[in-house]
Amino acid sequence: MGARFLLRPMLRLAPEPLYACEFTPHALRAMQRRRISFAWVYQVLQEPDARAAVRPGRERIGAAGMIGDDLYIVTVVVGMDRFPPEVVTVFRTRVIDREEASSP
């Protein structure tokens, strides 16, 4: 089963890896609150499935992967208008297949 990373209509960029970045305090709190590890974030940044410009200087980078038995899309929002780039926030979205969604 393949996972598809869907984005709202935005400027789509080539999913190139990002190797160096810093984390904002908000991003660190979001990771802790949402139980997303540094390893997951670095994996998304180094092996992205999709990358899109949200606005000038801000990009959304995402990748799909398994957490336990569930498929998730982990999205990392990065401020690219500074050096080194800053991770602004991180979140994950569970992918629900059609069969599971139609079950009572």
C-alpha atoms as a PDB file:
ATOM      1  CA  MET A   1       0.000   0.000   0.000  1.00  0.00           C
ATOM      2  CA  GLY A   2       1.510   3.321  -1.019  1.00  0.00           C
ATOM      3  CA  ALA A   3       1.018   6.524   0.913  1.00  0.00           C
ATOM      4  CA  ARG A   4       0.266   9.766  -0.842  1.00  0.00           C
ATOM      5  CA  PHE A   5       1.148  13.106   0.734  1.00  0.00           C
ATOM      6  CA  LEU A   6      -1.593  15.539  -0.214  1.00  0.00           C
ATOM      7  CA  LEU A   7      -1.084  19.280  -0.018  1.00  0.00           C
ATOM      8  CA  ARG A   8      -3.379  22.199  -0.559  1.00  0.00           C
ATOM      9  CA  PRO A   9      -2.657  24.017  -3.819  1.00  0.00           C
ATOM     10  CA  MET A  10       0.742  25.616  -3.198  1.00  0.00           C
ATOM     11  CA  LEU A  11       4.035  25.980  -4.946  1.00  0.00           C
ATOM     12  CA  ARG A  12       5.436  22.456  -4.961  1.00  0.00           C
ATOM     13  CA  LEU A  13       9.182  22.121  -4.666  1.00  0.00           C
ATOM     14  CA  ALA A  14      11.525  19.240  -5.362  1.00  0.00           C
ATOM     15  CA  PRO A  15      11.768  17.119  -2.196  1.00  0.00           C
ATOM     16  CA  GLU A  16      15.455  17.813  -1.554  1.00  0.00           C
ATOM     17  CA  PRO A  17      16.952  16.885   1.814  1.00  0.00           C
ATOM     18  CA  LEU A  18      17.685  19.448   4.521  1.00  0.00           C
ATOM     19  CA  TYR A  19      20.639  18.442   6.688  1.00  0.00           C
ATOM     20  CA  ALA A  20      21.210  21.344   9.100  1.00  0.00           C
ATOM     21  CA  CYS A  21      18.613  23.262  11.063  1.00  0.00           C
ATOM     22  CA  GLU A  22      17.758  24.679  14.483  1.00  0.00           C
ATOM     23  CA  PHE A  23      14.566  24.217  16.497  1.00  0.00           C
ATOM     24  CA  THR A  24      12.433  27.048  17.870  1.00  0.00           C
ATOM     25  CA  PRO A  25      11.117  26.719  21.440  1.00  0.00           C
ATOM     26  CA  HIS A  26       7.619  26.307  19.969  1.00  0.00           C
ATOM     27  CA  ALA A  27       8.781  23.398  17.793  1.00  0.00           C
ATOM     28  CA  LEU A  28      10.406  21.677  20.778  1.00  0.00           C
ATOM     29  CA  ARG A  29       7.201  22.029  22.839  1.00  0.00           C
ATOM     30  CA  ALA A  30       5.085  20.783  19.912  1.00  0.00           C
ATOM     31  CA  MET A  31       7.325  17.732  19.486  1.00  0.00           C
ATOM     32  CA  GLN A  32       7.097  16.903  23.174  1.00  0.00           C
ATOM     33  CA  ARG A  33       3.329  17.459  23.340  1.00  0.00           C
ATOM     34  CA  ARG A  34       2.682  15.453  20.165  1.00  0.00           C
ATOM     35  CA  ARG A  35       5.230  12.733  21.016  1.00  0.00           C
ATOM     36  CA  ILE A  36       7.293  13.182  17.862  1.00  0.00           C
ATOM     37  CA  SER A  37      10.952  12.266  18.258  1.00  0.00           C
ATOM     38  CA  PHE A  38      14.003  14.097  16.926  1.00  0.00           C
ATOM     39  CA  ALA A  39      14.785  10.950  14.933  1.00  0.00           C
ATOM     40  CA  TRP A  40      11.436  11.232  13.137  1.00  0.00           C
ATOM     41  CA  VAL A  41      11.946  14.922  12.374  1.00  0.00           C
ATOM     42  CA  TYR A  42      15.456  14.354  11.030  1.00  0.00           C
ATOM     43  CA  GLN A  43      14.229  11.455   8.900  1.00  0.00           C
ATOM     44  CA  VAL A  44      11.533  13.683   7.370  1.00  0.00           C
ATOM     45  CA  LEU A  45      14.054  16.467   6.703  1.00  0.00           C
ATOM     46  CA  GLN A  46      16.621  14.120   5.168  1.00  0.00           C
ATOM     47  CA  GLU A  47      14.209  11.910   3.189  1.00  0.00           C
ATOM     48  CA  PRO A  48      11.138  14.029   2.353  1.00  0.00           C
ATOM     49  CA  ASP A  49       8.256  12.702   0.267  1.00  0.00           C
ATOM     50  CA  ALA A  50       6.944  16.200  -0.472  1.00  0.00           C
ATOM     51  CA  ARG A  51       7.974  19.792  -0.027  1.00  0.00           C
ATOM     52  CA  ALA A  52       5.867  22.910  -0.605  1.00  0.00           C
ATOM     53  CA  ALA A  53       6.239  26.639  -0.130  1.00  0.00           C
ATOM     54  CA  VAL A  54       3.643  27.904   2.338  1.00  0.00           C
ATOM     55  CA  ARG A  55       4.655  31.529   1.823  1.00  0.00           C
ATOM     56  CA  PRO A  56       7.946  33.275   1.019  1.00  0.00           C
ATOM     57  CA  GLY A  57      10.574  31.979   3.434  1.00  0.00           C
ATOM     58  CA  ARG A  58       8.401  29.193   4.900  1.00  0.00           C
ATOM     59  CA  GLU A  59       8.219  25.594   3.668  1.00  0.00           C
ATOM     60  CA  ARG A  60       6.228  22.538   4.646  1.00  0.00           C
ATOM     61  CA  ILE A  61       8.207  19.305   4.377  1.00  0.00           C
ATOM     62  CA  GLY A  62       6.513  15.944   4.862  1.00  0.00           C
ATOM     63  CA  ALA A  63       7.022  12.219   4.761  1.00  0.00           C
ATOM     64  CA  ALA A  64       4.862   9.187   5.443  1.00  0.00           C
ATOM     65  CA  GLY A  65       5.881   6.396   7.780  1.00  0.00           C
ATOM     66  CA  MET A  66       4.674   3.778  10.197  1.00  0.00           C
ATOM     67  CA  ILE A  67       4.312   4.493  13.906  1.00  0.00           C
ATOM     68  CA  GLY A  68       3.324   1.216  15.511  1.00  0.00           C
ATOM     69  CA  ASP A  69       0.676  -0.309  13.243  1.00  0.00           C
ATOM     70  CA  ASP A  70      -0.595   3.029  11.920  1.00  0.00           C
ATOM     71  CA  LEU A  71       0.485   5.043   8.899  1.00  0.00           C
ATOM     72  CA  TYR A  72       1.166   8.726   9.602  1.00  0.00           C
ATOM     73  CA  ILE A  73       2.265  11.755   7.642  1.00  0.00           C
ATOM     74  CA  VAL A  74       4.768  13.765   9.670  1.00  0.00           C
ATOM     75  CA  THR A  75       4.949  17.406   8.590  1.00  0.00           C
ATOM     76  CA  VAL A  76       7.754  19.783   9.536  1.00  0.00           C
ATOM     77  CA  VAL A  77       7.294  23.521   8.950  1.00  0.00           C
ATOM     78  CA  VAL A  78      10.648  25.208   8.367  1.00  0.00           C
ATOM     79  CA  GLY A  79      11.614  28.877   8.228  1.00  0.00           C
ATOM     80  CA  MET A  80      14.002  28.950   5.275  1.00  0.00           C
ATOM     81  CA  ASP A  81      14.595  32.710   5.325  1.00  0.00           C
ATOM     82  CA  ARG A  82      17.295  32.452   8.018  1.00  0.00           C
ATOM     83  CA  PHE A  83      20.566  30.601   8.389  1.00  0.00           C
ATOM     84  CA  PRO A  84      20.567  27.955   9.559  1.00  0.00           C
ATOM     85  CA  PRO A  85      16.916  27.190   8.737  1.00  0.00           C
ATOM     86  CA  GLU A  86      14.612  26.909  11.777  1.00  0.00           C
ATOM     87  CA  VAL A  87      12.045  24.213  12.447  1.00  0.00           C
ATOM     88  CA  VAL A  88       8.970  26.262  13.411  1.00  0.00           C
ATOM     89  CA  THR A  89       6.510  23.472  14.253  1.00  0.00           C
ATOM     90  CA  VAL A  90       5.943  19.759  13.751  1.00  0.00           C
ATOM     91  CA  PHE A  91       2.744  17.717  13.543  1.00  0.00           C
ATOM     92  CA  ARG A  92       1.543  14.336  12.367  1.00  0.00           C
ATOM     93  CA  THR A  93      -1.641  13.217  10.675  1.00  0.00           C
ATOM     94  CA  ARG A  94      -2.936   9.668  10.744  1.00  0.00           C
ATOM     95  CA  VAL A  95      -3.756   8.230   7.337  1.00  0.00           C
ATOM     96  CA  ILE A  96      -7.096   6.435   7.350  1.00  0.00           C
ATOM     97  CA  ASP A  97      -7.844   4.105   4.473  1.00  0.00           C
ATOM     98  CA  ARG A  98     -11.312   3.925   2.928  1.00  0.00           C
ATOM     99  CA  GLU A  99     -12.200   0.557   4.470  1.00  0.00           C
ATOM    100  CA  GLU A 100     -11.350   1.757   7.968  1.00  0.00           C
ATOM    101  CA  ALA A 101     -13.252   5.024   7.468  1.00  0.00           C
ATOM    102  CA  SER A 102     -16.426   3.205   6.368  1.00  0.00           C
ATOM    103  CA  SER A 103     -16.388   0.754   9.319  1.00  0.00           C
ATOM    104  CA  PRO A 104     -19.001   1.442  12.008  1.00  0.00           C
END
